PDB file of N, CA and C in Angstrom:
ATOM      1  N   MET A   1      10.549  23.517 -20.884  1.00  0.00           N
ATOM      2  CA  MET A   1      11.303  22.416 -21.426  1.00  0.00           C
ATOM      3  C   MET A   1      11.326  21.256 -20.419  1.00  0.00           C
ATOM      4  N   ARG A   2      11.288  21.598 -19.134  1.00  0.00           N
ATOM      5  CA  ARG A   2      11.281  20.551 -18.119  1.00  0.00           C
ATOM      6  C   ARG A   2      10.002  19.723 -18.159  1.00  0.00           C
ATOM      7  N   GLU A   3       8.932  20.325 -18.658  1.00  0.00           N
ATOM      8  CA  GLU A   3       7.629  19.670 -18.641  1.00  0.00           C
ATOM      9  C   GLU A   3       7.362  18.810 -19.869  1.00  0.00           C
ATOM     10  N   ASP A   4       8.283  18.774 -20.811  1.00  0.00           N
ATOM     11  CA  ASP A   4       8.051  18.034 -22.052  1.00  0.00           C
ATOM     12  C   ASP A   4       7.784  16.556 -21.798  1.00  0.00           C
ATOM     13  N   LYS A   5       8.552  15.956 -20.911  1.00  0.00           N
ATOM     14  CA  LYS A   5       8.349  14.540 -20.605  1.00  0.00           C
ATOM     15  C   LYS A   5       6.979  14.315 -19.974  1.00  0.00           C
ATOM     16  N   ALA A   6       6.578  15.204 -19.082  1.00  0.00           N
ATOM     17  CA  ALA A   6       5.265  15.087 -18.428  1.00  0.00           C
ATOM     18  C   ALA A   6       4.136  15.223 -19.451  1.00  0.00           C
ATOM     19  N   ILE A   7       4.297  16.139 -20.407  1.00  0.00           N
ATOM     20  CA  ILE A   7       3.290  16.317 -21.457  1.00  0.00           C
ATOM     21  C   ILE A   7       3.177  15.049 -22.297  1.00  0.00           C
ATOM     22  N   ASN A   8       4.311  14.471 -22.656  1.00  0.00           N
ATOM     23  CA  ASN A   8       4.304  13.228 -23.436  1.00  0.00           C
ATOM     24  C   ASN A   8       3.619  12.102 -22.667  1.00  0.00           C
ATOM     25  N   GLU A   9       3.883  12.016 -21.364  1.00  0.00           N
ATOM     26  CA  GLU A   9       3.244  10.990 -20.542  1.00  0.00           C
ATOM     27  C   GLU A   9       1.738  11.207 -20.445  1.00  0.00           C
ATOM     28  N   MET A  10       1.325  12.479 -20.307  1.00  0.00           N
ATOM     29  CA  MET A  10      -0.118  12.776 -20.251  1.00  0.00           C
ATOM     30  C   MET A  10      -0.797  12.409 -21.561  1.00  0.00           C
ATOM     31  N   GLU A  11      -0.115  12.668 -22.690  1.00  0.00           N
ATOM     32  CA  GLU A  11      -0.701  12.307 -23.976  1.00  0.00           C
ATOM     33  C   GLU A  11      -0.971  10.807 -24.033  1.00  0.00           C
ATOM     34  N   LEU A  12       0.011  10.009 -23.607  1.00  0.00           N
ATOM     35  CA  LEU A  12      -0.156   8.558 -23.628  1.00  0.00           C
ATOM     36  C   LEU A  12      -1.264   8.110 -22.675  1.00  0.00           C
ATOM     37  N   GLU A  13      -1.338   8.733 -21.514  1.00  0.00           N
ATOM     38  CA  GLU A  13      -2.367   8.379 -20.536  1.00  0.00           C
ATOM     39  C   GLU A  13      -3.769   8.707 -21.059  1.00  0.00           C
ATOM     40  N   ILE A  14      -3.923   9.893 -21.643  1.00  0.00           N
ATOM     41  CA  ILE A  14      -5.222  10.292 -22.188  1.00  0.00           C
ATOM     42  C   ILE A  14      -5.619   9.385 -23.343  1.00  0.00           C
ATOM     43  N   ASP A  15      -4.663   9.089 -24.213  1.00  0.00           N
ATOM     44  CA  ASP A  15      -4.934   8.198 -25.334  1.00  0.00           C
ATOM     45  C   ASP A  15      -5.353   6.816 -24.841  1.00  0.00           C
ATOM     46  N   ASP A  16      -4.675   6.316 -23.828  1.00  0.00           N
ATOM     47  CA  ASP A  16      -5.000   5.008 -23.259  1.00  0.00           C
ATOM     48  C   ASP A  16      -6.412   5.017 -22.654  1.00  0.00           C
ATOM     49  N   LEU A  17      -6.745   6.072 -21.918  1.00  0.00           N
ATOM     50  CA  LEU A  17      -8.083   6.179 -21.330  1.00  0.00           C
ATOM     51  C   LEU A  17      -9.167   6.241 -22.410  1.00  0.00           C
ATOM     52  N   ALA A  18      -8.904   6.995 -23.460  1.00  0.00           N
ATOM     53  CA  ALA A  18      -9.881   7.103 -24.544  1.00  0.00           C
ATOM     54  C   ALA A  18     -10.086   5.759 -25.232  1.00  0.00           C
ATOM     55  N   LEU A  19      -9.004   5.044 -25.461  1.00  0.00           N
ATOM     56  CA  LEU A  19      -9.126   3.718 -26.090  1.00  0.00           C
ATOM     57  C   LEU A  19      -9.884   2.743 -25.191  1.00  0.00           C
ATOM     58  N   LYS A  20      -9.656   2.824 -23.887  1.00  0.00           N
ATOM     59  CA  LYS A  20     -10.407   1.976 -22.954  1.00  0.00           C
ATOM     60  C   LYS A  20     -11.900   2.314 -22.993  1.00  0.00           C
ATOM     61  N   LEU A  21     -12.217   3.609 -23.040  1.00  0.00           N
ATOM     62  CA  LEU A  21     -13.627   4.015 -23.144  1.00  0.00           C
ATOM     63  C   LEU A  21     -14.263   3.448 -24.405  1.00  0.00           C
ATOM     64  N   LEU A  22     -13.541   3.551 -25.505  1.00  0.00           N
ATOM     65  CA  LEU A  22     -14.066   3.028 -26.768  1.00  0.00           C
ATOM     66  C   LEU A  22     -14.273   1.517 -26.706  1.00  0.00           C
ATOM     67  N   ALA A  23     -13.313   0.813 -26.140  1.00  0.00           N
ATOM     68  CA  ALA A  23     -13.374  -0.650 -26.122  1.00  0.00           C
ATOM     69  C   ALA A  23     -14.392  -1.180 -25.115  1.00  0.00           C
ATOM     70  N   LEU A  24     -14.441  -0.590 -23.939  1.00  0.00           N
ATOM     71  CA  LEU A  24     -15.279  -1.143 -22.874  1.00  0.00           C
ATOM     72  C   LEU A  24     -16.726  -0.665 -22.903  1.00  0.00           C
ATOM     73  N   HIS A  25     -16.947   0.554 -23.400  1.00  0.00           N
ATOM     74  CA  HIS A  25     -18.297   1.123 -23.328  1.00  0.00           C
ATOM     75  C   HIS A  25     -18.977   1.260 -24.681  1.00  0.00           C
ATOM     76  N   GLN A  26     -18.250   1.075 -25.748  1.00  0.00           N
ATOM     77  CA  GLN A  26     -18.784   1.166 -27.100  1.00  0.00           C
ATOM     78  C   GLN A  26     -19.750   2.348 -27.271  1.00  0.00           C
ATOM     79  N   PRO A  27     -19.233   3.563 -27.089  1.00  0.00           N
ATOM     80  CA  PRO A  27     -20.096   4.753 -27.168  1.00  0.00           C
ATOM     81  C   PRO A  27     -20.685   4.954 -28.566  1.00  0.00           C
ATOM     82  N   LEU A  28     -21.821   5.611 -28.600  1.00  0.00           N
ATOM     83  CA  LEU A  28     -22.510   5.902 -29.853  1.00  0.00           C
ATOM     84  C   LEU A  28     -22.632   7.407 -30.048  1.00  0.00           C
ATOM     85  N   ALA A  29     -22.843   7.802 -31.269  1.00  0.00           N
ATOM     86  CA  ALA A  29     -23.177   9.169 -31.690  1.00  0.00           C
ATOM     87  C   ALA A  29     -22.322  10.236 -31.010  1.00  0.00           C
ATOM     88  N   SER A  30     -22.961  11.105 -30.221  1.00  0.00           N
ATOM     89  CA  SER A  30     -22.249  12.265 -29.675  1.00  0.00           C
ATOM     90  C   SER A  30     -21.119  11.851 -28.739  1.00  0.00           C
ATOM     91  N   ASP A  31     -21.299  10.782 -27.977  1.00  0.00           N
ATOM     92  CA  ASP A  31     -20.220  10.325 -27.099  1.00  0.00           C
ATOM     93  C   ASP A  31     -19.018   9.852 -27.914  1.00  0.00           C
ATOM     94  N   LEU A  32     -19.271   9.163 -28.991  1.00  0.00           N
ATOM     95  CA  LEU A  32     -18.196   8.700 -29.858  1.00  0.00           C
ATOM     96  C   LEU A  32     -17.473   9.884 -30.495  1.00  0.00           C
ATOM     97  N   ARG A  33     -18.236  10.860 -30.954  1.00  0.00           N
ATOM     98  CA  ARG A  33     -17.629  12.067 -31.538  1.00  0.00           C
ATOM     99  C   ARG A  33     -16.783  12.810 -30.505  1.00  0.00           C
ATOM    100  N   PHE A  34     -17.295  12.893 -29.278  1.00  0.00           N
ATOM    101  CA  PHE A  34     -16.562  13.590 -28.220  1.00  0.00           C
ATOM    102  C   PHE A  34     -15.232  12.890 -27.941  1.00  0.00           C
ATOM    103  N   ILE A  35     -15.259  11.578 -27.806  1.00  0.00           N
ATOM    104  CA  ILE A  35     -14.040  10.829 -27.491  1.00  0.00           C
ATOM    105  C   ILE A  35     -13.034  10.915 -28.635  1.00  0.00           C
ATOM    106  N   THR A  36     -13.484  10.736 -29.862  1.00  0.00           N
ATOM    107  CA  THR A  36     -12.544  10.802 -30.986  1.00  0.00           C
ATOM    108  C   THR A  36     -11.989  12.218 -31.160  1.00  0.00           C
ATOM    109  N   SER A  37     -12.821  13.221 -30.911  1.00  0.00           N
ATOM    110  CA  SER A  37     -12.331  14.605 -30.965  1.00  0.00           C
ATOM    111  C   SER A  37     -11.297  14.845 -29.873  1.00  0.00           C
ATOM    112  N   ALA A  38     -11.551  14.323 -28.685  1.00  0.00           N
ATOM    113  CA  ALA A  38     -10.596  14.481 -27.589  1.00  0.00           C
ATOM    114  C   ALA A  38      -9.264  13.827 -27.942  1.00  0.00           C
ATOM    115  N   MET A  39      -9.320  12.695 -28.597  1.00  0.00           N
ATOM    116  CA  MET A  39      -8.081  12.019 -28.993  1.00  0.00           C
ATOM    117  C   MET A  39      -7.299  12.853 -30.005  1.00  0.00           C
ATOM    118  N   ARG A  40      -8.005  13.445 -30.946  1.00  0.00           N
ATOM    119  CA  ARG A  40      -7.328  14.283 -31.944  1.00  0.00           C
ATOM    120  C   ARG A  40      -6.766  15.550 -31.312  1.00  0.00           C
ATOM    121  N   ILE A  41      -7.534  16.158 -30.410  1.00  0.00           N
ATOM    122  CA  ILE A  41      -7.063  17.354 -29.711  1.00  0.00           C
ATOM    123  C   ILE A  41      -5.841  17.019 -28.874  1.00  0.00           C
ATOM    124  N   ASN A  42      -5.861  15.853 -28.236  1.00  0.00           N
ATOM    125  CA  ASN A  42      -4.744  15.396 -27.425  1.00  0.00           C
ATOM    126  C   ASN A  42      -3.452  15.362 -28.238  1.00  0.00           C
ATOM    127  N   ILE A  43      -3.527  14.859 -29.452  1.00  0.00           N
ATOM    128  CA  ILE A  43      -2.358  14.802 -30.332  1.00  0.00           C
ATOM    129  C   ILE A  43      -1.856  16.216 -30.641  1.00  0.00           C
ATOM    130  N   GLU A  44      -2.782  17.110 -30.927  1.00  0.00           N
ATOM    131  CA  GLU A  44      -2.389  18.486 -31.262  1.00  0.00           C
ATOM    132  C   GLU A  44      -1.794  19.214 -30.067  1.00  0.00           C
ATOM    133  N   LEU A  45      -2.334  18.970 -28.871  1.00  0.00           N
ATOM    134  CA  LEU A  45      -1.774  19.618 -27.685  1.00  0.00           C
ATOM    135  C   LEU A  45      -0.354  19.133 -27.410  1.00  0.00           C
ATOM    136  N   GLU A  46      -0.104  17.861 -27.626  1.00  0.00           N
ATOM    137  CA  GLU A  46       1.245  17.336 -27.454  1.00  0.00           C
ATOM    138  C   GLU A  46       2.181  17.964 -28.481  1.00  0.00           C
ATOM    139  N   ARG A  47       1.675  18.143 -29.679  1.00  0.00           N
ATOM    140  CA  ARG A  47       2.466  18.782 -30.740  1.00  0.00           C
ATOM    141  C   ARG A  47       2.776  20.242 -30.377  1.00  0.00           C
ATOM    142  N   ILE A  48       1.788  20.942 -29.822  1.00  0.00           N
ATOM    143  CA  ILE A  48       2.012  22.316 -29.363  1.00  0.00           C
ATOM    144  C   ILE A  48       3.110  22.330 -28.302  1.00  0.00           C
ATOM    145  N   GLY A  49       3.071  21.352 -27.402  1.00  0.00           N
ATOM    146  CA  GLY A  49       4.112  21.261 -26.382  1.00  0.00           C
ATOM    147  C   GLY A  49       5.486  21.054 -26.984  1.00  0.00           C
ATOM    148  N   ASP A  50       5.576  20.176 -27.967  1.00  0.00           N
ATOM    149  CA  ASP A  50       6.863  19.937 -28.642  1.00  0.00           C
ATOM    150  C   ASP A  50       7.362  21.209 -29.332  1.00  0.00           C
ATOM    151  N   LEU A  51       6.462  21.908 -29.991  1.00  0.00           N
ATOM    152  CA  LEU A  51       6.858  23.143 -30.669  1.00  0.00           C
ATOM    153  C   LEU A  51       7.272  24.217 -29.670  1.00  0.00           C
ATOM    154  N   ALA A  52       6.607  24.259 -28.524  1.00  0.00           N
ATOM    155  CA  ALA A  52       6.985  25.218 -27.483  1.00  0.00           C
ATOM    156  C   ALA A  52       8.398  24.942 -26.987  1.00  0.00           C
ATOM    157  N   VAL A  53       8.748  23.677 -26.858  1.00  0.00           N
ATOM    158  CA  VAL A  53      10.116  23.320 -26.457  1.00  0.00           C
ATOM    159  C   VAL A  53      11.102  23.802 -27.514  1.00  0.00           C
ATOM    160  N   ASN A  54      10.780  23.572 -28.787  1.00  0.00           N
ATOM    161  CA  ASN A  54      11.665  24.032 -29.866  1.00  0.00           C
ATOM    162  C   ASN A  54      11.851  25.544 -29.824  1.00  0.00           C
ATOM    163  N   ILE A  55      10.760  26.264 -29.607  1.00  0.00           N
ATOM    164  CA  ILE A  55      10.830  27.732 -29.541  1.00  0.00           C
ATOM    165  C   ILE A  55      11.682  28.166 -28.346  1.00  0.00           C
ATOM    166  N   ALA A  56      11.480  27.520 -27.199  1.00  0.00           N
ATOM    167  CA  ALA A  56      12.247  27.876 -26.001  1.00  0.00           C
ATOM    168  C   ALA A  56      13.734  27.613 -26.205  1.00  0.00           C
ATOM    169  N   GLU A  57      14.065  26.494 -26.813  1.00  0.00           N
ATOM    170  CA  GLU A  57      15.478  26.188 -27.073  1.00  0.00           C
ATOM    171  C   GLU A  57      16.095  27.214 -28.008  1.00  0.00           C
ATOM    172  N   ARG A  58      15.348  27.588 -29.027  1.00  0.00           N
ATOM    173  CA  ARG A  58      15.860  28.590 -29.981  1.00  0.00           C
ATOM    174  C   ARG A  58      15.996  29.956 -29.306  1.00  0.00           C
ATOM    175  N   ALA A  59      15.042  30.286 -28.448  1.00  0.00           N
ATOM    176  CA  ALA A  59      15.101  31.563 -27.729  1.00  0.00           C
ATOM    177  C   ALA A  59      16.332  31.615 -26.825  1.00  0.00           C
ATOM    178  N   LEU A  60      16.635  30.512 -26.174  1.00  0.00           N
ATOM    179  CA  LEU A  60      17.827  30.477 -25.328  1.00  0.00           C
ATOM    180  C   LEU A  60      19.096  30.700 -26.138  1.00  0.00           C
ATOM    181  N   SER A  61      19.164  30.090 -27.315  1.00  0.00           N
ATOM    182  CA  SER A  61      20.365  30.281 -28.138  1.00  0.00           C
ATOM    183  C   SER A  61      20.428  31.706 -28.699  1.00  0.00           C
ATOM    184  N   LEU A  62      19.287  32.257 -29.081  1.00  0.00           N
ATOM    185  CA  LEU A  62      19.277  33.634 -29.592  1.00  0.00           C
ATOM    186  C   LEU A  62      19.588  34.643 -28.498  1.00  0.00           C
ATOM    187  N   ASN A  63      19.271  34.291 -27.280  1.00  0.00           N
ATOM    188  CA  ASN A  63      19.510  35.197 -26.158  1.00  0.00           C
ATOM    189  C   ASN A  63      21.003  35.399 -25.901  1.00  0.00           C
ATOM    190  N   GLN A  64      21.826  34.547 -26.474  1.00  0.00           N
ATOM    191  CA  GLN A  64      23.278  34.674 -26.335  1.00  0.00           C
ATOM    192  C   GLN A  64      23.830  35.766 -27.256  1.00  0.00           C
ATOM    193  N   GLU A  65      23.040  36.143 -28.253  1.00  0.00           N
ATOM    194  CA  GLU A  65      23.455  37.164 -29.216  1.00  0.00           C
ATOM    195  C   GLU A  65      22.942  38.537 -28.774  1.00  0.00           C
ATOM    196  N   PRO A  66      23.567  39.612 -29.262  1.00  0.00           N
ATOM    197  CA  PRO A  66      23.054  40.953 -28.931  1.00  0.00           C
ATOM    198  C   PRO A  66      21.646  41.149 -29.506  1.00  0.00           C
ATOM    199  N   GLN A  67      20.807  41.793 -28.737  1.00  0.00           N
ATOM    200  CA  GLN A  67      19.418  42.037 -29.141  1.00  0.00           C
ATOM    201  C   GLN A  67      19.390  43.112 -30.223  1.00  0.00           C
ATOM    202  N   LEU A  68      18.706  42.824 -31.346  1.00  0.00           N
ATOM    203  CA  LEU A  68      18.627  43.784 -32.450  1.00  0.00           C
ATOM    204  C   LEU A  68      17.605  44.879 -32.181  1.00  0.00           C
ATOM    205  N   LYS A  69      16.499  44.498 -31.545  1.00  0.00           N
ATOM    206  CA  LYS A  69      15.465  45.464 -31.166  1.00  0.00           C
ATOM    207  C   LYS A  69      14.719  44.895 -29.966  1.00  0.00           C
ATOM    208  N   PRO A  70      13.956  45.706 -29.267  1.00  0.00           N
ATOM    209  CA  PRO A  70      13.222  45.210 -28.089  1.00  0.00           C
ATOM    210  C   PRO A  70      12.213  44.122 -28.479  1.00  0.00           C
ATOM    211  N   TYR A  71      12.082  43.137 -27.609  1.00  0.00           N
ATOM    212  CA  TYR A  71      11.147  42.036 -27.849  1.00  0.00           C
ATOM    213  C   TYR A  71       9.754  42.427 -27.371  1.00  0.00           C
ATOM    214  N   ILE A  72       9.119  43.311 -28.110  1.00  0.00           N
ATOM    215  CA  ILE A  72       7.801  43.815 -27.716  1.00  0.00           C
ATOM    216  C   ILE A  72       6.701  42.845 -28.129  1.00  0.00           C
ATOM    217  N   ASP A  73       6.774  42.332 -29.335  1.00  0.00           N
ATOM    218  CA  ASP A  73       5.687  41.519 -29.872  1.00  0.00           C
ATOM    219  C   ASP A  73       5.673  40.083 -29.346  1.00  0.00           C
ATOM    220  N   ILE A  74       6.799  39.564 -28.935  1.00  0.00           N
ATOM    221  CA  ILE A  74       6.854  38.158 -28.519  1.00  0.00           C
ATOM    222  C   ILE A  74       5.952  37.883 -27.315  1.00  0.00           C
ATOM    223  N   PRO A  75       6.017  38.665 -26.236  1.00  0.00           N
ATOM    224  CA  PRO A  75       5.106  38.406 -25.121  1.00  0.00           C
ATOM    225  C   PRO A  75       3.635  38.565 -25.516  1.00  0.00           C
ATOM    226  N   ARG A  76       3.365  39.517 -26.384  1.00  0.00           N
ATOM    227  CA  ARG A  76       1.986  39.720 -26.850  1.00  0.00           C
ATOM    228  C   ARG A  76       1.503  38.529 -27.671  1.00  0.00           C
ATOM    229  N   MET A  77       2.353  38.013 -28.555  1.00  0.00           N
ATOM    230  CA  MET A  77       1.992  36.840 -29.357  1.00  0.00           C
ATOM    231  C   MET A  77       1.780  35.623 -28.459  1.00  0.00           C
ATOM    232  N   ALA A  78       2.603  35.484 -27.429  1.00  0.00           N
ATOM    233  CA  ALA A  78       2.448  34.360 -26.493  1.00  0.00           C
ATOM    234  C   ALA A  78       1.104  34.444 -25.780  1.00  0.00           C
ATOM    235  N   GLU A  79       0.731  35.621 -25.339  1.00  0.00           N
ATOM    236  CA  GLU A  79      -0.552  35.804 -24.632  1.00  0.00           C
ATOM    237  C   GLU A  79      -1.732  35.528 -25.560  1.00  0.00           C
ATOM    238  N   ILE A  80      -1.667  36.017 -26.786  1.00  0.00           N
ATOM    239  CA  ILE A  80      -2.745  35.778 -27.753  1.00  0.00           C
ATOM    240  C   ILE A  80      -2.864  34.281 -28.046  1.00  0.00           C
ATOM    241  N   THR A  81      -1.739  33.622 -28.233  1.00  0.00           N
ATOM    242  CA  THR A  81      -1.749  32.180 -28.504  1.00  0.00           C
ATOM    243  C   THR A  81      -2.348  31.419 -27.342  1.00  0.00           C
ATOM    244  N   LYS A  82      -1.933  31.750 -26.132  1.00  0.00           N
ATOM    245  CA  LYS A  82      -2.458  31.097 -24.936  1.00  0.00           C
ATOM    246  C   LYS A  82      -3.976  31.285 -24.852  1.00  0.00           C
ATOM    247  N   ASN A  83      -4.451  32.488 -25.117  1.00  0.00           N
ATOM    248  CA  ASN A  83      -5.893  32.756 -25.072  1.00  0.00           C
ATOM    249  C   ASN A  83      -6.653  31.995 -26.158  1.00  0.00           C
ATOM    250  N   MET A  84      -6.057  31.893 -27.339  1.00  0.00           N
ATOM    251  CA  MET A  84      -6.712  31.164 -28.431  1.00  0.00           C
ATOM    252  C   MET A  84      -6.886  29.684 -28.070  1.00  0.00           C
ATOM    253  N   VAL A  85      -5.831  29.074 -27.546  1.00  0.00           N
ATOM    254  CA  VAL A  85      -5.910  27.663 -27.165  1.00  0.00           C
ATOM    255  C   VAL A  85      -6.941  27.484 -26.058  1.00  0.00           C
ATOM    256  N   LYS A  86      -6.942  28.385 -25.073  1.00  0.00           N
ATOM    257  CA  LYS A  86      -7.904  28.294 -23.974  1.00  0.00           C
ATOM    258  C   LYS A  86      -9.338  28.418 -24.480  1.00  0.00           C
ATOM    259  N   GLU A  87      -9.594  29.374 -25.356  1.00  0.00           N
ATOM    260  CA  GLU A  87     -10.951  29.565 -25.893  1.00  0.00           C
ATOM    261  C   GLU A  87     -11.445  28.326 -26.633  1.00  0.00           C
ATOM    262  N   VAL A  88     -10.592  27.755 -27.448  1.00  0.00           N
ATOM    263  CA  VAL A  88     -11.002  26.582 -28.224  1.00  0.00           C
ATOM    264  C   VAL A  88     -11.233  25.387 -27.305  1.00  0.00           C
ATOM    265  N   LEU A  89     -10.357  25.187 -26.324  1.00  0.00           N
ATOM    266  CA  LEU A  89     -10.554  24.078 -25.385  1.00  0.00           C
ATOM    267  C   LEU A  89     -11.801  24.283 -24.534  1.00  0.00           C
ATOM    268  N   ASP A  90     -12.052  25.511 -24.104  1.00  0.00           N
ATOM    269  CA  ASP A  90     -13.277  25.805 -23.344  1.00  0.00           C
ATOM    270  C   ASP A  90     -14.515  25.511 -24.184  1.00  0.00           C
ATOM    271  N   ALA A  91     -14.472  25.874 -25.460  1.00  0.00           N
ATOM    272  CA  ALA A  91     -15.606  25.606 -26.347  1.00  0.00           C
ATOM    273  C   ALA A  91     -15.809  24.109 -26.521  1.00  0.00           C
ATOM    274  N   PHE A  92     -14.727  23.364 -26.625  1.00  0.00           N
ATOM    275  CA  PHE A  92     -14.832  21.908 -26.766  1.00  0.00           C
ATOM    276  C   PHE A  92     -15.427  21.283 -25.512  1.00  0.00           C
ATOM    277  N   VAL A  93     -14.904  21.658 -24.360  1.00  0.00           N
ATOM    278  CA  VAL A  93     -15.368  21.069 -23.103  1.00  0.00           C
ATOM    279  C   VAL A  93     -16.826  21.419 -22.834  1.00  0.00           C
ATOM    280  N   SER A  94     -17.204  22.654 -23.111  1.00  0.00           N
ATOM    281  CA  SER A  94     -18.587  23.071 -22.863  1.00  0.00           C
ATOM    282  C   SER A  94     -19.519  22.674 -24.001  1.00  0.00           C
ATOM    283  N   GLU A  95     -18.946  22.066 -25.048  1.00  0.00           N
ATOM    284  CA  GLU A  95     -19.706  21.649 -26.223  1.00  0.00           C
ATOM    285  C   GLU A  95     -20.505  22.809 -26.814  1.00  0.00           C
ATOM    286  N   THR A  96     -19.847  23.963 -26.900  1.00  0.00           N
ATOM    287  CA  THR A  96     -20.453  25.163 -27.450  1.00  0.00           C
ATOM    288  C   THR A  96     -20.116  25.263 -28.928  1.00  0.00           C
ATOM    289  N   PRO A  97     -21.093  25.058 -29.800  1.00  0.00           N
ATOM    290  CA  PRO A  97     -20.784  25.111 -31.231  1.00  0.00           C
ATOM    291  C   PRO A  97     -20.623  26.530 -31.769  1.00  0.00           C
ATOM    292  N   THR A  98     -20.973  27.546 -30.978  1.00  0.00           N
ATOM    293  CA  THR A  98     -20.971  28.910 -31.499  1.00  0.00           C
ATOM    294  C   THR A  98     -19.579  29.439 -31.799  1.00  0.00           C
ATOM    295  N   TRP A  99     -18.518  28.807 -31.288  1.00  0.00           N
ATOM    296  CA  TRP A  99     -17.179  29.310 -31.582  1.00  0.00           C
ATOM    297  C   TRP A  99     -16.797  29.082 -33.028  1.00  0.00           C
ATOM    298  N   ARG A 100     -17.453  28.136 -33.685  1.00  0.00           N
ATOM    299  CA  ARG A 100     -17.126  27.862 -35.085  1.00  0.00           C
ATOM    300  C   ARG A 100     -17.425  29.077 -35.959  1.00  0.00           C
ATOM    301  N   GLY A 101     -16.484  29.390 -36.794  1.00  0.00           N
ATOM    302  CA  GLY A 101     -16.698  30.452 -37.761  1.00  0.00           C
ATOM    303  C   GLY A 101     -16.463  31.848 -37.230  1.00  0.00           C
ATOM    304  N   ARG A 102     -16.306  31.997 -35.935  1.00  0.00           N
ATOM    305  CA  ARG A 102     -16.056  33.345 -35.429  1.00  0.00           C
ATOM    306  C   ARG A 102     -14.566  33.519 -35.188  1.00  0.00           C
ATOM    307  N   SER A 103     -14.145  34.724 -35.157  1.00  0.00           N
ATOM    308  CA  SER A 103     -12.731  35.012 -34.946  1.00  0.00           C
ATOM    309  C   SER A 103     -12.360  34.734 -33.499  1.00  0.00           C
ATOM    310  N   VAL A 104     -11.328  33.936 -33.309  1.00  0.00           N
ATOM    311  CA  VAL A 104     -10.813  33.708 -31.968  1.00  0.00           C
ATOM    312  C   VAL A 104     -10.058  34.968 -31.580  1.00  0.00           C
ATOM    313  N   SER A 105     -10.183  35.390 -30.338  1.00  0.00           N
ATOM    314  CA  SER A 105      -9.658  36.684 -29.911  1.00  0.00           C
ATOM    315  C   SER A 105      -8.212  36.909 -30.338  1.00  0.00           C
ATOM    316  N   GLY A 106      -7.996  38.072 -30.936  1.00  0.00           N
ATOM    317  CA  GLY A 106      -6.658  38.489 -31.268  1.00  0.00           C
ATOM    318  C   GLY A 106      -6.091  38.037 -32.600  1.00  0.00           C
ATOM    319  N   THR A 107      -6.756  37.126 -33.292  1.00  0.00           N
ATOM    320  CA  THR A 107      -6.149  36.591 -34.501  1.00  0.00           C
ATOM    321  C   THR A 107      -6.027  37.654 -35.585  1.00  0.00           C
ATOM    322  N   THR A 108      -6.993  38.518 -35.703  1.00  0.00           N
ATOM    323  CA  THR A 108      -6.948  39.493 -36.799  1.00  0.00           C
ATOM    324  C   THR A 108      -5.797  40.471 -36.646  1.00  0.00           C
ATOM    325  N   ARG A 109      -5.381  40.727 -35.425  1.00  0.00           N
ATOM    326  CA  ARG A 109      -4.245  41.640 -35.231  1.00  0.00           C
ATOM    327  C   ARG A 109      -2.978  41.103 -35.875  1.00  0.00           C
ATOM    328  N   TRP A 110      -2.805  39.790 -35.881  1.00  0.00           N
ATOM    329  CA  TRP A 110      -1.576  39.204 -36.392  1.00  0.00           C
ATOM    330  C   TRP A 110      -1.711  38.726 -37.817  1.00  0.00           C
ATOM    331  N   MET A 111      -2.937  38.605 -38.294  1.00  0.00           N
ATOM    332  CA  MET A 111      -3.129  38.076 -39.641  1.00  0.00           C
ATOM    333  C   MET A 111      -3.238  39.172 -40.680  1.00  0.00           C
ATOM    334  N   THR A 112      -3.370  40.419 -40.254  1.00  0.00           N
ATOM    335  CA  THR A 112      -3.500  41.510 -41.216  1.00  0.00           C
ATOM    336  C   THR A 112      -2.250  42.346 -41.250  1.00  0.00           C
TER     337      THR A 112
END
């Protein structure tokens, strides 16, 4: 929750840098696709940060109540989510198209 302001500032900085690249260098084809994709990903990462803050705030309030059962799945879901975001970002940065259409690690465990 302490990092929310920093995440918001990074989003603005990345967006500003991307707009400068577009305006000053007028990229074409793959460079243009890369920059516009980065801008869209930037928005989603900021949104993930906002949602993480909401989850943390709710967890703090729920922690005041007696626990109904052990929190076994929550740490596992957090790890799977973290790995999914990392895999997709790694694929974007390395420009690896093979991640498309394949299952990102761990998703089937939670979707079935």
